[in-house]
Amino acid sequence: MDGGLTPPLWGRRRFAAHLGIASPDRPLLEGGIDPIAQIERAHALGFAGITDNGLMLRPPEVQRRMGERLRALGMEMGSFTHDPPGERPRFFWGASQPDLDAALAPTFAAAERVGGVVNLVLLDTGAPRPDQLARATDNLGRAAMLARERGIRLALEPVSRIRVPLALVEHMAEAAAIVVRIDDAAFGLILDSCHMALGGEDIAAAILAQADRLRVVQIADMPGRVEPGAGELDFASILAALDRIGWQGMLEAEFDPLGGEPAMLRALARLG
């Protein structure tokens, strides 16, 4: 394993390497931007899987090959974004969505090709906030029902306006309230340490409070969305909370490392 590490040094934790946070042109690992090459490199370095915010920007044939390669290597797909930034029109859950089935069809097809959890973010239309939240809850409830029928998992991520200026729901408690109201096994929460830190939230407390609803955990140190240990977050308390709830999922390494790949791998190994 590169950087002087071997897979046993990862310990009991399982990590997912991102294929690009804001753009598919900036994956976590070295080796170019081809997603199949990235999957193979992640496997060689001991990662349990990948996460890909830009999956919906990739052609269906590329998605199919990604899913096949992940399965062949015994790896997992983490989360991918239903509405990635790009040239496509943005999707507003808080607006009227009369043809929701058609709007979700490409995303559900991608989930069937690669697996994983569909990451949902609520964006602000500018309409009165209570109206948007009511419509979003209705639309998300319909989406959860459709997802459950197809064996697909959805998760809502609260995000900070500092990084996502149109964010409608920024805090975990508010996102959790929506998930509780919908009450569907196909619908849960995504916890991103970057966005929670920007919102001034207690990350460890949120993990304990939302244990039954957590579907995805994304890790990055702050400030700067860097590798764990390169910032100021208390990862000891975060990991202790995950251990306390018996978290068995992957930790999605959703950061841009300050150092090179070997230093980044050592930073993750220290979390092991």
C-alpha atoms as a PDB file:
ATOM      1  CA  MET A   1       0.000   0.000   0.000  1.00  0.00           C
ATOM      2  CA  ASP A   2       1.325   3.441  -0.966  1.00  0.00           C
ATOM      3  CA  GLY A   3       2.724   5.781   1.667  1.00  0.00           C
ATOM      4  CA  GLY A   4       4.193   2.970   3.757  1.00  0.00           C
ATOM      5  CA  LEU A   5       0.769   1.750   4.911  1.00  0.00           C
ATOM      6  CA  THR A   6      -0.753  -1.680   4.631  1.00  0.00           C
ATOM      7  CA  PRO A   7      -4.497  -2.382   4.829  1.00  0.00           C
ATOM      8  CA  PRO A   8      -4.454  -3.717   8.439  1.00  0.00           C
ATOM      9  CA  LEU A   9      -3.279  -0.289   9.624  1.00  0.00           C
ATOM     10  CA  TRP A  10      -6.691   1.113   8.739  1.00  0.00           C
ATOM     11  CA  GLY A  11      -8.018  -0.612  11.823  1.00  0.00           C
ATOM     12  CA  ARG A  12     -11.712  -1.299  12.091  1.00  0.00           C
ATOM     13  CA  ARG A  13     -12.926   1.831  10.285  1.00  0.00           C
ATOM     14  CA  ARG A  14     -13.905   1.769   6.647  1.00  0.00           C
ATOM     15  CA  PHE A  15     -13.369   4.779   4.403  1.00  0.00           C
ATOM     16  CA  ALA A  16     -14.784   5.921   1.075  1.00  0.00           C
ATOM     17  CA  ALA A  17     -12.674   8.024  -1.300  1.00  0.00           C
ATOM     18  CA  HIS A  18     -14.467  10.853  -3.087  1.00  0.00           C
ATOM     19  CA  LEU A  19     -14.319  11.210  -6.869  1.00  0.00           C
ATOM     20  CA  GLY A  20     -14.714  14.979  -6.629  1.00  0.00           C
ATOM     21  CA  ILE A  21     -16.542  17.201  -4.137  1.00  0.00           C
ATOM     22  CA  ALA A  22     -17.456  20.210  -6.263  1.00  0.00           C
ATOM     23  CA  SER A  23     -16.171  18.838  -9.577  1.00  0.00           C
ATOM     24  CA  PRO A  24     -15.267  15.405 -11.029  1.00  0.00           C
ATOM     25  CA  ASP A  25     -11.989  17.008 -12.083  1.00  0.00           C
ATOM     26  CA  ARG A  26     -10.675  17.007  -8.486  1.00  0.00           C
ATOM     27  CA  PRO A  27     -10.832  13.496  -6.975  1.00  0.00           C
ATOM     28  CA  LEU A  28      -9.262  12.706  -3.612  1.00  0.00           C
ATOM     29  CA  LEU A  29      -6.701  10.252  -4.962  1.00  0.00           C
ATOM     30  CA  GLU A  30      -3.908  10.477  -7.489  1.00  0.00           C
ATOM     31  CA  GLY A  31      -4.135   8.663 -10.796  1.00  0.00           C
ATOM     32  CA  GLY A  32      -6.239  10.892 -13.047  1.00  0.00           C
ATOM     33  CA  ILE A  33      -9.951  11.597 -13.243  1.00  0.00           C
ATOM     34  CA  ASP A  34     -11.212   8.411 -14.910  1.00  0.00           C
ATOM     35  CA  PRO A  35     -13.729   6.973 -12.412  1.00  0.00           C
ATOM     36  CA  ILE A  36     -12.790   3.348 -13.073  1.00  0.00           C
ATOM     37  CA  ALA A  37      -9.121   4.125 -12.482  1.00  0.00           C
ATOM     38  CA  GLN A  38     -10.075   5.954  -9.299  1.00  0.00           C
ATOM     39  CA  ILE A  39     -12.078   2.960  -8.077  1.00  0.00           C
ATOM     40  CA  GLU A  40      -9.157   0.651  -8.750  1.00  0.00           C
ATOM     41  CA  ARG A  41      -6.715   2.965  -6.977  1.00  0.00           C
ATOM     42  CA  ALA A  42      -9.051   3.284  -3.995  1.00  0.00           C
ATOM     43  CA  HIS A  43      -9.193  -0.506  -3.801  1.00  0.00           C
ATOM     44  CA  ALA A  44      -5.405  -0.807  -3.992  1.00  0.00           C
ATOM     45  CA  LEU A  45      -5.044   1.695  -1.141  1.00  0.00           C
ATOM     46  CA  GLY A  46      -7.461  -0.164   1.126  1.00  0.00           C
ATOM     47  CA  PHE A  47     -10.562   2.013   0.812  1.00  0.00           C
ATOM     48  CA  ALA A  48     -13.855   0.197   1.309  1.00  0.00           C
ATOM     49  CA  GLY A  49     -15.663   2.230  -1.327  1.00  0.00           C
ATOM     50  CA  ILE A  50     -16.158   5.530  -3.082  1.00  0.00           C
ATOM     51  CA  THR A  51     -18.502   8.502  -2.981  1.00  0.00           C
ATOM     52  CA  ASP A  52     -19.250  10.581  -6.057  1.00  0.00           C
ATOM     53  CA  ASN A  53     -21.044  13.936  -5.951  1.00  0.00           C
ATOM     54  CA  GLY A  54     -20.807  14.117  -9.729  1.00  0.00           C
ATOM     55  CA  LEU A  55     -22.253  10.709 -10.545  1.00  0.00           C
ATOM     56  CA  MET A  56     -25.334  12.244 -12.186  1.00  0.00           C
ATOM     57  CA  LEU A  57     -23.067  14.194 -14.547  1.00  0.00           C
ATOM     58  CA  ARG A  58     -21.620  10.929 -15.874  1.00  0.00           C
ATOM     59  CA  PRO A  59     -23.217   9.029 -18.800  1.00  0.00           C
ATOM     60  CA  PRO A  60     -25.342   5.978 -17.877  1.00  0.00           C
ATOM     61  CA  GLU A  61     -22.804   3.661 -19.522  1.00  0.00           C
ATOM     62  CA  VAL A  62     -20.038   5.037 -17.278  1.00  0.00           C
ATOM     63  CA  GLN A  63     -22.305   4.587 -14.238  1.00  0.00           C
ATOM     64  CA  ARG A  64     -22.927   0.984 -15.285  1.00  0.00           C
ATOM     65  CA  ARG A  65     -19.202   0.263 -15.582  1.00  0.00           C
ATOM     66  CA  MET A  66     -18.550   1.897 -12.229  1.00  0.00           C
ATOM     67  CA  GLY A  67     -21.142  -0.312 -10.560  1.00  0.00           C
ATOM     68  CA  GLU A  68     -19.740  -3.428 -12.172  1.00  0.00           C
ATOM     69  CA  ARG A  69     -16.200  -2.589 -11.093  1.00  0.00           C
ATOM     70  CA  LEU A  70     -17.235  -1.822  -7.529  1.00  0.00           C
ATOM     71  CA  ARG A  71     -19.041  -5.138  -7.251  1.00  0.00           C
ATOM     72  CA  ALA A  72     -16.154  -7.051  -8.829  1.00  0.00           C
ATOM     73  CA  LEU A  73     -13.746  -5.580  -6.261  1.00  0.00           C
ATOM     74  CA  GLY A  74     -16.081  -6.106  -3.305  1.00  0.00           C
ATOM     75  CA  MET A  75     -16.360  -2.370  -2.741  1.00  0.00           C
ATOM     76  CA  GLU A  76     -19.329  -0.186  -1.807  1.00  0.00           C
ATOM     77  CA  MET A  77     -20.851   2.923  -3.269  1.00  0.00           C
ATOM     78  CA  GLY A  78     -21.355   5.629  -0.679  1.00  0.00           C
ATOM     79  CA  SER A  79     -23.538   8.648  -1.367  1.00  0.00           C
ATOM     80  CA  PHE A  80     -24.086  10.545  -4.585  1.00  0.00           C
ATOM     81  CA  THR A  81     -25.942  13.792  -5.176  1.00  0.00           C
ATOM     82  CA  HIS A  82     -29.346  13.876  -6.851  1.00  0.00           C
ATOM     83  CA  ASP A  83     -28.782  17.478  -7.945  1.00  0.00           C
ATOM     84  CA  PRO A  84     -25.056  18.154  -8.480  1.00  0.00           C
ATOM     85  CA  PRO A  85     -23.903  21.666  -9.369  1.00  0.00           C
ATOM     86  CA  GLY A  86     -23.407  22.011 -13.094  1.00  0.00           C
ATOM     87  CA  GLU A  87     -25.130  23.167 -16.218  1.00  0.00           C
ATOM     88  CA  ARG A  88     -28.433  21.447 -15.438  1.00  0.00           C
ATOM     89  CA  PRO A  89     -31.327  23.421 -13.874  1.00  0.00           C
ATOM     90  CA  ARG A  90     -31.305  23.119 -10.080  1.00  0.00           C
ATOM     91  CA  PHE A  91     -33.958  20.991  -8.375  1.00  0.00           C
ATOM     92  CA  PHE A  92     -36.165  22.613  -5.737  1.00  0.00           C
ATOM     93  CA  TRP A  93     -37.906  20.238  -3.335  1.00  0.00           C
ATOM     94  CA  GLY A  94     -39.838  23.174  -1.894  1.00  0.00           C
ATOM     95  CA  ALA A  95     -41.528  23.947  -5.211  1.00  0.00           C
ATOM     96  CA  SER A  96     -44.455  22.201  -6.862  1.00  0.00           C
ATOM     97  CA  GLN A  97     -43.258  18.923  -8.402  1.00  0.00           C
ATOM     98  CA  PRO A  98     -46.258  17.420 -10.205  1.00  0.00           C
ATOM     99  CA  ASP A  99     -44.105  14.974 -12.208  1.00  0.00           C
ATOM    100  CA  LEU A 100     -41.814  13.832  -9.419  1.00  0.00           C
ATOM    101  CA  ASP A 101     -41.573  10.298 -10.800  1.00  0.00           C
ATOM    102  CA  ALA A 102     -40.028  11.564 -14.027  1.00  0.00           C
ATOM    103  CA  ALA A 103     -37.704  13.947 -12.188  1.00  0.00           C
ATOM    104  CA  LEU A 104     -36.354  11.120 -10.043  1.00  0.00           C
ATOM    105  CA  ALA A 105     -36.160   8.473 -12.773  1.00  0.00           C
ATOM    106  CA  PRO A 106     -32.546   9.183 -13.880  1.00  0.00           C
ATOM    107  CA  THR A 107     -31.324   9.295 -10.279  1.00  0.00           C
ATOM    108  CA  PHE A 108     -33.110   6.085  -9.350  1.00  0.00           C
ATOM    109  CA  ALA A 109     -31.681   4.406 -12.463  1.00  0.00           C
ATOM    110  CA  ALA A 110     -28.186   5.517 -11.410  1.00  0.00           C
ATOM    111  CA  ALA A 111     -28.755   4.103  -7.917  1.00  0.00           C
ATOM    112  CA  GLU A 112     -29.744   0.781  -9.428  1.00  0.00           C
ATOM    113  CA  ARG A 113     -26.541   0.761 -11.494  1.00  0.00           C
ATOM    114  CA  VAL A 114     -24.072   1.641  -8.739  1.00  0.00           C
ATOM    115  CA  GLY A 115     -25.913   1.264  -5.418  1.00  0.00           C
ATOM    116  CA  GLY A 116     -25.326   3.788  -2.661  1.00  0.00           C
ATOM    117  CA  VAL A 117     -27.424   6.447  -0.965  1.00  0.00           C
ATOM    118  CA  VAL A 118     -28.979   9.363  -2.848  1.00  0.00           C
ATOM    119  CA  ASN A 119     -27.968  12.670  -1.257  1.00  0.00           C
ATOM    120  CA  LEU A 120     -30.786  15.241  -1.159  1.00  0.00           C
ATOM    121  CA  VAL A 121     -30.316  18.938  -0.366  1.00  0.00           C
ATOM    122  CA  LEU A 122     -33.094  21.506   0.027  1.00  0.00           C
ATOM    123  CA  LEU A 123     -32.532  24.726  -1.915  1.00  0.00           C
ATOM    124  CA  ASP A 124     -34.345  28.014  -1.348  1.00  0.00           C
ATOM    125  CA  THR A 125     -36.759  29.186  -4.081  1.00  0.00           C
ATOM    126  CA  GLY A 126     -37.301  32.550  -2.412  1.00  0.00           C
ATOM    127  CA  ALA A 127     -40.923  31.729  -1.530  1.00  0.00           C
ATOM    128  CA  PRO A 128     -42.077  31.979   2.119  1.00  0.00           C
ATOM    129  CA  ARG A 129     -40.027  29.493   4.099  1.00  0.00           C
ATOM    130  CA  PRO A 130     -42.937  27.694   5.845  1.00  0.00           C
ATOM    131  CA  ASP A 131     -44.557  27.092   2.467  1.00  0.00           C
ATOM    132  CA  GLN A 132     -41.352  25.705   1.036  1.00  0.00           C
ATOM    133  CA  LEU A 133     -40.817  23.364   3.980  1.00  0.00           C
ATOM    134  CA  ALA A 134     -44.384  22.074   3.739  1.00  0.00           C
ATOM    135  CA  ARG A 135     -44.044  21.357   0.004  1.00  0.00           C
ATOM    136  CA  ALA A 136     -40.583  19.846   0.498  1.00  0.00           C
ATOM    137  CA  THR A 137     -41.877  17.495   3.172  1.00  0.00           C
ATOM    138  CA  ASP A 138     -44.698  16.389   0.879  1.00  0.00           C
ATOM    139  CA  ASN A 139     -42.356  15.877  -2.084  1.00  0.00           C
ATOM    140  CA  LEU A 140     -39.770  14.058   0.013  1.00  0.00           C
ATOM    141  CA  GLY A 141     -42.445  11.775   1.431  1.00  0.00           C
ATOM    142  CA  ARG A 142     -43.541  10.846  -2.081  1.00  0.00           C
ATOM    143  CA  ALA A 143     -39.919  10.311  -3.103  1.00  0.00           C
ATOM    144  CA  ALA A 144     -39.289   8.053  -0.097  1.00  0.00           C
ATOM    145  CA  MET A 145     -42.285   5.907  -0.996  1.00  0.00           C
ATOM    146  CA  LEU A 146     -41.089   5.560  -4.597  1.00  0.00           C
ATOM    147  CA  ALA A 147     -37.554   4.779  -3.418  1.00  0.00           C
ATOM    148  CA  ARG A 148     -38.701   2.139  -0.967  1.00  0.00           C
ATOM    149  CA  GLU A 149     -40.659   0.371  -3.690  1.00  0.00           C
ATOM    150  CA  ARG A 150     -37.439   0.087  -5.727  1.00  0.00           C
ATOM    151  CA  GLY A 151     -35.089  -0.737  -2.859  1.00  0.00           C
ATOM    152  CA  ILE A 152     -33.313   2.637  -3.057  1.00  0.00           C
ATOM    153  CA  ARG A 153     -32.129   4.681  -0.079  1.00  0.00           C
ATOM    154  CA  LEU A 154     -32.423   8.464   0.237  1.00  0.00           C
ATOM    155  CA  ALA A 155     -30.877  10.800   2.796  1.00  0.00           C
ATOM    156  CA  LEU A 156     -31.301  14.504   3.532  1.00  0.00           C
ATOM    157  CA  GLU A 157     -28.199  16.602   4.156  1.00  0.00           C
ATOM    158  CA  PRO A 158     -28.361  19.931   6.018  1.00  0.00           C
ATOM    159  CA  VAL A 159     -25.807  22.262   4.444  1.00  0.00           C
ATOM    160  CA  SER A 160     -24.442  25.669   5.365  1.00  0.00           C
ATOM    161  CA  ARG A 161     -25.206  28.749   3.286  1.00  0.00           C
ATOM    162  CA  ILE A 162     -21.528  29.605   3.608  1.00  0.00           C
ATOM    163  CA  ARG A 163     -20.775  26.837   1.119  1.00  0.00           C
ATOM    164  CA  VAL A 164     -24.199  26.445  -0.520  1.00  0.00           C
ATOM    165  CA  PRO A 165     -25.713  29.941  -0.752  1.00  0.00           C
ATOM    166  CA  LEU A 166     -29.215  28.665  -1.639  1.00  0.00           C
ATOM    167  CA  ALA A 167     -29.401  26.233   1.283  1.00  0.00           C
ATOM    168  CA  LEU A 168     -32.883  26.093   2.810  1.00  0.00           C
ATOM    169  CA  VAL A 169     -32.139  23.702   5.709  1.00  0.00           C
ATOM    170  CA  GLU A 170     -28.810  24.298   7.440  1.00  0.00           C
ATOM    171  CA  HIS A 171     -29.081  22.522  10.797  1.00  0.00           C
ATOM    172  CA  MET A 172     -29.325  18.870  11.737  1.00  0.00           C
ATOM    173  CA  ALA A 173     -32.291  19.219  14.095  1.00  0.00           C
ATOM    174  CA  GLU A 174     -34.416  20.803  11.379  1.00  0.00           C
ATOM    175  CA  ALA A 175     -33.457  18.143   8.830  1.00  0.00           C
ATOM    176  CA  ALA A 176     -34.169  15.446  11.412  1.00  0.00           C
ATOM    177  CA  ALA A 177     -37.622  16.904  12.066  1.00  0.00           C
ATOM    178  CA  ILE A 178     -38.455  16.437   8.379  1.00  0.00           C
ATOM    179  CA  VAL A 179     -37.187  12.851   8.419  1.00  0.00           C
ATOM    180  CA  VAL A 180     -39.244  12.120  11.549  1.00  0.00           C
ATOM    181  CA  ARG A 181     -42.401  13.569   9.964  1.00  0.00           C
ATOM    182  CA  ILE A 182     -41.967  11.438   6.862  1.00  0.00           C
ATOM    183  CA  ASP A 183     -41.135   8.315   8.904  1.00  0.00           C
ATOM    184  CA  ASP A 184     -40.051   6.044   6.060  1.00  0.00           C
ATOM    185  CA  ALA A 185     -37.279   3.449   6.333  1.00  0.00           C
ATOM    186  CA  ALA A 186     -36.003   4.499   2.898  1.00  0.00           C
ATOM    187  CA  PHE A 187     -35.278   8.051   4.103  1.00  0.00           C
ATOM    188  CA  GLY A 188     -32.609   9.142   6.576  1.00  0.00           C
ATOM    189  CA  LEU A 189     -29.935  11.750   7.302  1.00  0.00           C
ATOM    190  CA  ILE A 190     -26.465  12.665   6.108  1.00  0.00           C
ATOM    191  CA  LEU A 191     -24.062  14.146   8.651  1.00  0.00           C
ATOM    192  CA  ASP A 192     -21.246  16.233   7.151  1.00  0.00           C
ATOM    193  CA  SER A 193     -18.721  17.480   9.701  1.00  0.00           C
ATOM    194  CA  CYS A 194     -17.803  20.435   7.471  1.00  0.00           C
ATOM    195  CA  HIS A 195     -21.326  21.827   7.203  1.00  0.00           C
ATOM    196  CA  MET A 196     -22.069  21.127  10.856  1.00  0.00           C
ATOM    197  CA  ALA A 197     -18.924  22.932  11.957  1.00  0.00           C
ATOM    198  CA  LEU A 198     -19.825  25.940   9.812  1.00  0.00           C
ATOM    199  CA  GLY A 199     -23.208  25.969  11.537  1.00  0.00           C
ATOM    200  CA  GLY A 200     -21.613  25.881  14.990  1.00  0.00           C
ATOM    201  CA  GLU A 201     -23.212  22.550  15.845  1.00  0.00           C
ATOM    202  CA  ASP A 202     -22.063  19.891  18.300  1.00  0.00           C
ATOM    203  CA  ILE A 203     -21.189  17.056  15.927  1.00  0.00           C
ATOM    204  CA  ALA A 204     -20.799  14.322  18.549  1.00  0.00           C
ATOM    205  CA  ALA A 205     -24.120  15.263  20.172  1.00  0.00           C
ATOM    206  CA  ALA A 206     -25.856  15.145  16.790  1.00  0.00           C
ATOM    207  CA  ILE A 207     -24.484  11.668  16.129  1.00  0.00           C
ATOM    208  CA  LEU A 208     -25.907  10.428  19.417  1.00  0.00           C
ATOM    209  CA  ALA A 209     -29.238  12.196  18.923  1.00  0.00           C
ATOM    210  CA  GLN A 210     -29.755  10.979  15.353  1.00  0.00           C
ATOM    211  CA  ALA A 211     -28.254   7.493  15.633  1.00  0.00           C
ATOM    212  CA  ASP A 212     -31.343   5.712  14.299  1.00  0.00           C
ATOM    213  CA  ARG A 213     -31.677   8.084  11.355  1.00  0.00           C
ATOM    214  CA  LEU A 214     -28.047   8.397  10.184  1.00  0.00           C
ATOM    215  CA  ARG A 215     -27.383   6.865   6.776  1.00  0.00           C
ATOM    216  CA  VAL A 216     -24.138   8.608   5.735  1.00  0.00           C
ATOM    217  CA  VAL A 217     -21.251  10.203   7.660  1.00  0.00           C
ATOM    218  CA  GLN A 218     -18.906  12.546   5.794  1.00  0.00           C
ATOM    219  CA  ILE A 219     -15.696  13.694   7.440  1.00  0.00           C
ATOM    220  CA  ALA A 220     -13.547  16.770   6.873  1.00  0.00           C
ATOM    221  CA  ASP A 221     -11.595  18.961   9.248  1.00  0.00           C
ATOM    222  CA  MET A 222     -12.169  22.689   9.522  1.00  0.00           C
ATOM    223  CA  PRO A 223     -11.408  25.354   8.613  1.00  0.00           C
ATOM    224  CA  GLY A 224     -10.774  24.662   4.956  1.00  0.00           C
ATOM    225  CA  ARG A 225     -12.414  21.249   4.505  1.00  0.00           C
ATOM    226  CA  VAL A 226      -9.066  19.502   4.951  1.00  0.00           C
ATOM    227  CA  GLU A 227      -7.972  16.060   6.150  1.00  0.00           C
ATOM    228  CA  PRO A 228      -8.678  15.086   9.787  1.00  0.00           C
ATOM    229  CA  GLY A 229      -5.981  16.431  12.068  1.00  0.00           C
ATOM    230  CA  ALA A 230      -5.086  19.349   9.796  1.00  0.00           C
ATOM    231  CA  GLY A 231      -7.768  21.594  11.309  1.00  0.00           C
ATOM    232  CA  GLU A 232      -9.443  22.270  14.625  1.00  0.00           C
ATOM    233  CA  LEU A 233     -12.280  19.742  14.943  1.00  0.00           C
ATOM    234  CA  ASP A 234     -12.306  17.291  17.841  1.00  0.00           C
ATOM    235  CA  PHE A 235     -12.301  14.001  15.960  1.00  0.00           C
ATOM    236  CA  ALA A 236     -11.735  12.025  19.146  1.00  0.00           C
ATOM    237  CA  SER A 237     -15.223  12.985  20.354  1.00  0.00           C
ATOM    238  CA  ILE A 238     -16.737  12.412  16.904  1.00  0.00           C
ATOM    239  CA  LEU A 239     -15.256   8.924  16.646  1.00  0.00           C
ATOM    240  CA  ALA A 240     -16.226   8.120  20.230  1.00  0.00           C
ATOM    241  CA  ALA A 241     -19.825   9.039  19.419  1.00  0.00           C
ATOM    242  CA  LEU A 242     -19.775   6.855  16.303  1.00  0.00           C
ATOM    243  CA  ASP A 243     -18.393   3.975  18.358  1.00  0.00           C
ATOM    244  CA  ARG A 244     -21.063   4.511  20.989  1.00  0.00           C
ATOM    245  CA  ILE A 245     -23.882   4.149  18.443  1.00  0.00           C
ATOM    246  CA  GLY A 246     -22.150   1.170  16.822  1.00  0.00           C
ATOM    247  CA  TRP A 247     -21.682   2.851  13.451  1.00  0.00           C
ATOM    248  CA  GLN A 248     -20.939   0.191  10.831  1.00  0.00           C
ATOM    249  CA  GLY A 249     -21.094   2.374   7.723  1.00  0.00           C
ATOM    250  CA  MET A 250     -18.227   3.902   5.823  1.00  0.00           C
ATOM    251  CA  LEU A 251     -16.723   7.271   6.654  1.00  0.00           C
ATOM    252  CA  GLU A 252     -16.766   9.297   3.462  1.00  0.00           C
ATOM    253  CA  ALA A 253     -13.467  11.167   3.165  1.00  0.00           C
ATOM    254  CA  GLU A 254     -15.000  14.324   1.719  1.00  0.00           C
ATOM    255  CA  PHE A 255     -12.098  16.726   1.976  1.00  0.00           C
ATOM    256  CA  ASP A 256      -9.310  18.309  -0.060  1.00  0.00           C
ATOM    257  CA  PRO A 257      -6.059  17.315   1.683  1.00  0.00           C
ATOM    258  CA  LEU A 258      -3.368  19.859   2.404  1.00  0.00           C
ATOM    259  CA  GLY A 259      -0.577  17.347   1.949  1.00  0.00           C
ATOM    260  CA  GLY A 260       0.123  14.697  -0.659  1.00  0.00           C
ATOM    261  CA  GLU A 261      -1.534  11.315  -0.872  1.00  0.00           C
ATOM    262  CA  PRO A 262       0.802   9.517   1.592  1.00  0.00           C
ATOM    263  CA  ALA A 263       0.222  12.198   4.242  1.00  0.00           C
ATOM    264  CA  MET A 264      -3.526  12.004   3.667  1.00  0.00           C
ATOM    265  CA  LEU A 265      -3.487   8.225   4.077  1.00  0.00           C
ATOM    266  CA  ARG A 266      -1.563   8.545   7.328  1.00  0.00           C
ATOM    267  CA  ALA A 267      -4.147  11.046   8.561  1.00  0.00           C
ATOM    268  CA  LEU A 268      -6.933   8.556   7.898  1.00  0.00           C
ATOM    269  CA  ALA A 269      -4.940   5.715   9.448  1.00  0.00           C
ATOM    270  CA  ARG A 270      -4.697   7.712  12.656  1.00  0.00           C
ATOM    271  CA  LEU A 271      -8.501   7.561  12.898  1.00  0.00           C
ATOM    272  CA  GLY A 272      -8.420   3.757  12.662  1.00  0.00           C
END
